[in-house]
Amino acid sequence: MPYVTISTVRGILDAAQKKQLLERVTDLLVEVEGQGSADFRRNVWVRIEEQEPTHWSLGGMQPTAEIIAGTFGAIGADGLRLARPKP
C-alpha cells in the first residue's frame, strides 16, 4: 500500500490543480506499482502537504504571499485561481 506525500508552498496550487495532481499521481501508482490493477487503486494514499511560504527558501530567498500571487495568480476564497498574471 503506497503512501505519497507531496510538499509544496501554500498558495501555488489551486483546488483544481490539487485535484488533478492527486488523481494523476494515483493513476501513475496504479499503472506502475499496481501493474494496472483497478483493485490496487483503493490502496493508494496521496496527500498534499502545504506549508506557509515563510517555511521555504529558494536560493536563500523566502517567498511571500505577494510574490506567489504575482507569479502564479491569486487564489479566491473558493480555492480556485482568480487569474494568472500576464507575462
N, C-alpha and C. Protein backbone atom coordinates (compact mmCIF):
# COMPACT_ATOMS: atom_id res chain seq x y z
N MET A 1 0.85 -1.16 0.00
CA MET A 1 0.00 0.00 0.00
C MET A 1 0.91 1.23 0.00
N PRO A 2 0.96 1.98 -1.09
CA PRO A 2 1.84 3.14 -1.15
C PRO A 2 1.23 4.38 -0.49
N TYR A 3 2.12 5.15 0.13
CA TYR A 3 1.77 6.44 0.70
C TYR A 3 2.68 7.47 0.04
N VAL A 4 2.11 8.49 -0.57
CA VAL A 4 2.89 9.53 -1.23
C VAL A 4 2.50 10.87 -0.61
N THR A 5 3.51 11.65 -0.24
CA THR A 5 3.27 13.00 0.26
C THR A 5 3.94 13.98 -0.67
N ILE A 6 3.18 14.94 -1.14
CA ILE A 6 3.68 16.00 -2.00
C ILE A 6 3.76 17.25 -1.15
N SER A 7 4.95 17.79 -0.99
CA SER A 7 5.13 19.02 -0.21
C SER A 7 5.22 20.20 -1.16
N THR A 8 4.52 21.27 -0.81
CA THR A 8 4.53 22.46 -1.65
C THR A 8 4.28 23.70 -0.79
N VAL A 9 4.51 24.84 -1.39
CA VAL A 9 4.26 26.11 -0.73
C VAL A 9 2.78 26.44 -0.85
N ARG A 10 2.16 26.83 0.26
CA ARG A 10 0.74 27.22 0.24
C ARG A 10 0.56 28.40 -0.71
N GLY A 11 -0.45 28.28 -1.57
CA GLY A 11 -0.77 29.36 -2.50
C GLY A 11 -0.33 29.11 -3.93
N ILE A 12 0.45 28.07 -4.14
CA ILE A 12 0.91 27.80 -5.51
C ILE A 12 -0.13 27.00 -6.29
N LEU A 13 -0.74 26.01 -5.64
CA LEU A 13 -1.74 25.17 -6.32
C LEU A 13 -3.14 25.60 -5.92
N ASP A 14 -4.05 25.72 -6.90
CA ASP A 14 -5.44 25.97 -6.56
C ASP A 14 -6.16 24.64 -6.41
N ALA A 15 -7.43 24.69 -6.06
CA ALA A 15 -8.19 23.46 -5.78
C ALA A 15 -8.25 22.53 -6.99
N ALA A 16 -8.42 23.08 -8.18
CA ALA A 16 -8.49 22.25 -9.38
C ALA A 16 -7.15 21.58 -9.66
N GLN A 17 -6.05 22.29 -9.45
CA GLN A 17 -4.73 21.72 -9.67
C GLN A 17 -4.44 20.61 -8.65
N LYS A 18 -4.86 20.82 -7.40
CA LYS A 18 -4.67 19.79 -6.38
C LYS A 18 -5.43 18.52 -6.75
N LYS A 19 -6.66 18.70 -7.17
CA LYS A 19 -7.48 17.55 -7.56
C LYS A 19 -6.82 16.78 -8.70
N GLN A 20 -6.35 17.51 -9.71
CA GLN A 20 -5.70 16.87 -10.85
C GLN A 20 -4.41 16.16 -10.42
N LEU A 21 -3.64 16.79 -9.58
CA LEU A 21 -2.39 16.19 -9.10
C LEU A 21 -2.66 14.91 -8.33
N LEU A 22 -3.64 14.93 -7.42
CA LEU A 22 -3.98 13.74 -6.66
C LEU A 22 -4.43 12.60 -7.58
N GLU A 23 -5.26 12.92 -8.56
CA GLU A 23 -5.75 11.90 -9.50
C GLU A 23 -4.62 11.32 -10.35
N ARG A 24 -3.76 12.18 -10.87
CA ARG A 24 -2.71 11.71 -11.78
C ARG A 24 -1.62 10.92 -11.06
N VAL A 25 -1.28 11.33 -9.83
CA VAL A 25 -0.30 10.56 -9.06
C VAL A 25 -0.89 9.19 -8.72
N THR A 26 -2.16 9.16 -8.35
CA THR A 26 -2.83 7.88 -8.10
C THR A 26 -2.80 7.01 -9.34
N ASP A 27 -3.16 7.58 -10.49
CA ASP A 27 -3.14 6.83 -11.75
C ASP A 27 -1.76 6.25 -12.03
N LEU A 28 -0.72 7.05 -11.81
CA LEU A 28 0.65 6.60 -12.07
C LEU A 28 1.03 5.43 -11.16
N LEU A 29 0.67 5.53 -9.87
CA LEU A 29 0.98 4.43 -8.95
C LEU A 29 0.23 3.16 -9.31
N VAL A 30 -1.02 3.31 -9.73
CA VAL A 30 -1.79 2.14 -10.17
C VAL A 30 -1.11 1.51 -11.38
N GLU A 31 -0.68 2.33 -12.32
CA GLU A 31 -0.04 1.83 -13.54
C GLU A 31 1.30 1.15 -13.23
N VAL A 32 2.14 1.79 -12.42
CA VAL A 32 3.50 1.29 -12.20
C VAL A 32 3.54 0.22 -11.09
N GLU A 33 3.15 0.59 -9.89
CA GLU A 33 3.25 -0.35 -8.77
C GLU A 33 2.15 -1.39 -8.80
N GLY A 34 0.94 -0.95 -9.16
CA GLY A 34 -0.18 -1.88 -9.18
C GLY A 34 -0.32 -2.65 -10.49
N GLN A 35 0.59 -2.38 -11.43
CA GLN A 35 0.60 -3.06 -12.73
C GLN A 35 -0.75 -3.00 -13.42
N GLY A 36 -1.43 -1.85 -13.25
CA GLY A 36 -2.69 -1.62 -13.94
C GLY A 36 -3.92 -2.21 -13.26
N SER A 37 -3.77 -2.80 -12.11
CA SER A 37 -4.89 -3.43 -11.41
C SER A 37 -5.84 -2.38 -10.84
N ALA A 38 -7.09 -2.42 -11.27
CA ALA A 38 -8.10 -1.48 -10.76
C ALA A 38 -8.29 -1.67 -9.25
N ASP A 39 -8.14 -2.89 -8.75
CA ASP A 39 -8.29 -3.15 -7.32
C ASP A 39 -7.21 -2.47 -6.49
N PHE A 40 -6.04 -2.24 -7.09
CA PHE A 40 -4.92 -1.62 -6.38
C PHE A 40 -5.24 -0.17 -6.01
N ARG A 41 -6.07 0.50 -6.82
CA ARG A 41 -6.39 1.92 -6.63
C ARG A 41 -6.86 2.22 -5.21
N ARG A 42 -7.67 1.37 -4.63
CA ARG A 42 -8.23 1.65 -3.30
C ARG A 42 -7.18 1.60 -2.19
N ASN A 43 -5.96 1.16 -2.53
CA ASN A 43 -4.88 1.08 -1.55
C ASN A 43 -3.86 2.21 -1.68
N VAL A 44 -4.12 3.14 -2.58
CA VAL A 44 -3.16 4.22 -2.85
C VAL A 44 -3.55 5.46 -2.04
N TRP A 45 -2.62 5.92 -1.23
CA TRP A 45 -2.80 7.14 -0.44
C TRP A 45 -1.90 8.22 -1.02
N VAL A 46 -2.47 9.37 -1.34
CA VAL A 46 -1.70 10.52 -1.81
C VAL A 46 -2.16 11.73 -1.01
N ARG A 47 -1.20 12.49 -0.51
CA ARG A 47 -1.50 13.64 0.32
C ARG A 47 -0.70 14.84 -0.16
N ILE A 48 -1.34 15.98 -0.21
CA ILE A 48 -0.65 17.23 -0.49
C ILE A 48 -0.48 17.96 0.83
N GLU A 49 0.76 18.26 1.15
CA GLU A 49 1.09 18.95 2.39
C GLU A 49 1.57 20.35 2.03
N GLU A 50 0.80 21.35 2.45
CA GLU A 50 1.16 22.73 2.14
C GLU A 50 1.75 23.40 3.38
N GLN A 51 2.81 24.13 3.17
CA GLN A 51 3.46 24.88 4.24
C GLN A 51 3.42 26.36 3.90
N GLU A 52 3.42 27.18 4.91
CA GLU A 52 3.43 28.62 4.71
C GLU A 52 4.69 29.02 3.93
N PRO A 53 4.59 30.05 3.09
CA PRO A 53 5.74 30.47 2.31
C PRO A 53 6.99 30.77 3.16
N THR A 54 6.79 31.28 4.38
CA THR A 54 7.94 31.60 5.23
C THR A 54 8.69 30.37 5.71
N HIS A 55 8.14 29.18 5.48
CA HIS A 55 8.80 27.94 5.87
C HIS A 55 9.69 27.41 4.76
N TRP A 56 9.77 28.12 3.65
CA TRP A 56 10.53 27.67 2.49
C TRP A 56 11.60 28.71 2.13
N SER A 57 12.58 28.25 1.41
CA SER A 57 13.61 29.13 0.88
C SER A 57 14.04 28.58 -0.47
N LEU A 58 14.17 29.47 -1.43
CA LEU A 58 14.66 29.10 -2.75
C LEU A 58 15.81 30.04 -3.07
N GLY A 59 16.99 29.49 -3.14
CA GLY A 59 18.16 30.32 -3.39
C GLY A 59 18.40 31.33 -2.29
N GLY A 60 17.99 31.00 -1.08
CA GLY A 60 18.18 31.89 0.05
C GLY A 60 17.08 32.93 0.21
N MET A 61 16.09 32.93 -0.69
CA MET A 61 15.00 33.90 -0.62
C MET A 61 13.73 33.21 -0.12
N GLN A 62 13.05 33.83 0.82
CA GLN A 62 11.77 33.31 1.28
C GLN A 62 10.67 33.98 0.47
N PRO A 63 9.83 33.19 -0.19
CA PRO A 63 8.74 33.79 -0.96
C PRO A 63 7.69 34.38 -0.02
N THR A 64 7.00 35.38 -0.49
CA THR A 64 5.88 35.95 0.26
C THR A 64 4.60 35.62 -0.48
N ALA A 65 3.48 35.80 0.19
CA ALA A 65 2.19 35.57 -0.47
C ALA A 65 2.06 36.47 -1.69
N GLU A 66 2.59 37.69 -1.61
CA GLU A 66 2.52 38.63 -2.74
C GLU A 66 3.36 38.15 -3.92
N ILE A 67 4.54 37.61 -3.65
CA ILE A 67 5.38 37.07 -4.71
C ILE A 67 4.69 35.89 -5.37
N ILE A 68 4.12 35.01 -4.56
CA ILE A 68 3.43 33.84 -5.11
C ILE A 68 2.24 34.26 -5.96
N ALA A 69 1.42 35.19 -5.45
CA ALA A 69 0.26 35.66 -6.21
C ALA A 69 0.71 36.34 -7.49
N GLY A 70 1.80 37.10 -7.44
CA GLY A 70 2.31 37.77 -8.62
C GLY A 70 2.86 36.82 -9.66
N THR A 71 3.35 35.68 -9.23
CA THR A 71 3.92 34.69 -10.13
C THR A 71 2.86 33.72 -10.66
N PHE A 72 2.01 33.23 -9.77
CA PHE A 72 1.05 32.18 -10.13
C PHE A 72 -0.38 32.68 -10.24
N GLY A 73 -0.69 33.82 -9.66
CA GLY A 73 -2.06 34.33 -9.62
C GLY A 73 -2.65 34.10 -8.24
N ALA A 74 -3.55 34.97 -7.84
CA ALA A 74 -4.19 34.86 -6.53
C ALA A 74 -5.23 33.75 -6.53
N ILE A 75 -5.48 33.20 -5.36
CA ILE A 75 -6.49 32.16 -5.18
C ILE A 75 -7.63 32.75 -4.36
N GLY A 76 -8.86 32.57 -4.85
CA GLY A 76 -10.03 33.11 -4.18
C GLY A 76 -10.45 32.28 -2.99
N ALA A 77 -11.47 32.74 -2.28
CA ALA A 77 -11.98 32.06 -1.09
C ALA A 77 -12.52 30.67 -1.43
N ASP A 78 -12.93 30.46 -2.69
CA ASP A 78 -13.44 29.14 -3.10
C ASP A 78 -12.33 28.16 -3.44
N GLY A 79 -11.07 28.60 -3.33
CA GLY A 79 -9.94 27.72 -3.60
C GLY A 79 -9.51 27.69 -5.05
N LEU A 80 -10.18 28.45 -5.90
CA LEU A 80 -9.83 28.47 -7.32
C LEU A 80 -9.03 29.71 -7.66
N ARG A 81 -8.17 29.58 -8.64
CA ARG A 81 -7.31 30.68 -9.05
C ARG A 81 -8.17 31.76 -9.68
N LEU A 82 -7.98 33.00 -9.24
CA LEU A 82 -8.76 34.13 -9.78
C LEU A 82 -8.29 34.49 -11.18
N ALA A 83 -7.02 34.66 -11.35
CA ALA A 83 -6.47 35.00 -12.67
C ALA A 83 -4.97 34.80 -12.63
N ARG A 84 -4.44 34.41 -13.75
CA ARG A 84 -2.99 34.27 -13.86
C ARG A 84 -2.41 35.62 -14.25
N PRO A 85 -1.27 35.96 -13.71
CA PRO A 85 -0.65 37.23 -14.09
C PRO A 85 -0.23 37.20 -15.56
N LYS A 86 -0.22 38.35 -16.16
CA LYS A 86 0.19 38.45 -17.56
C LYS A 86 1.71 38.49 -17.62
N PRO A 87 2.29 37.77 -18.60
CA PRO A 87 3.76 37.71 -18.69
C PRO A 87 4.38 39.04 -19.03
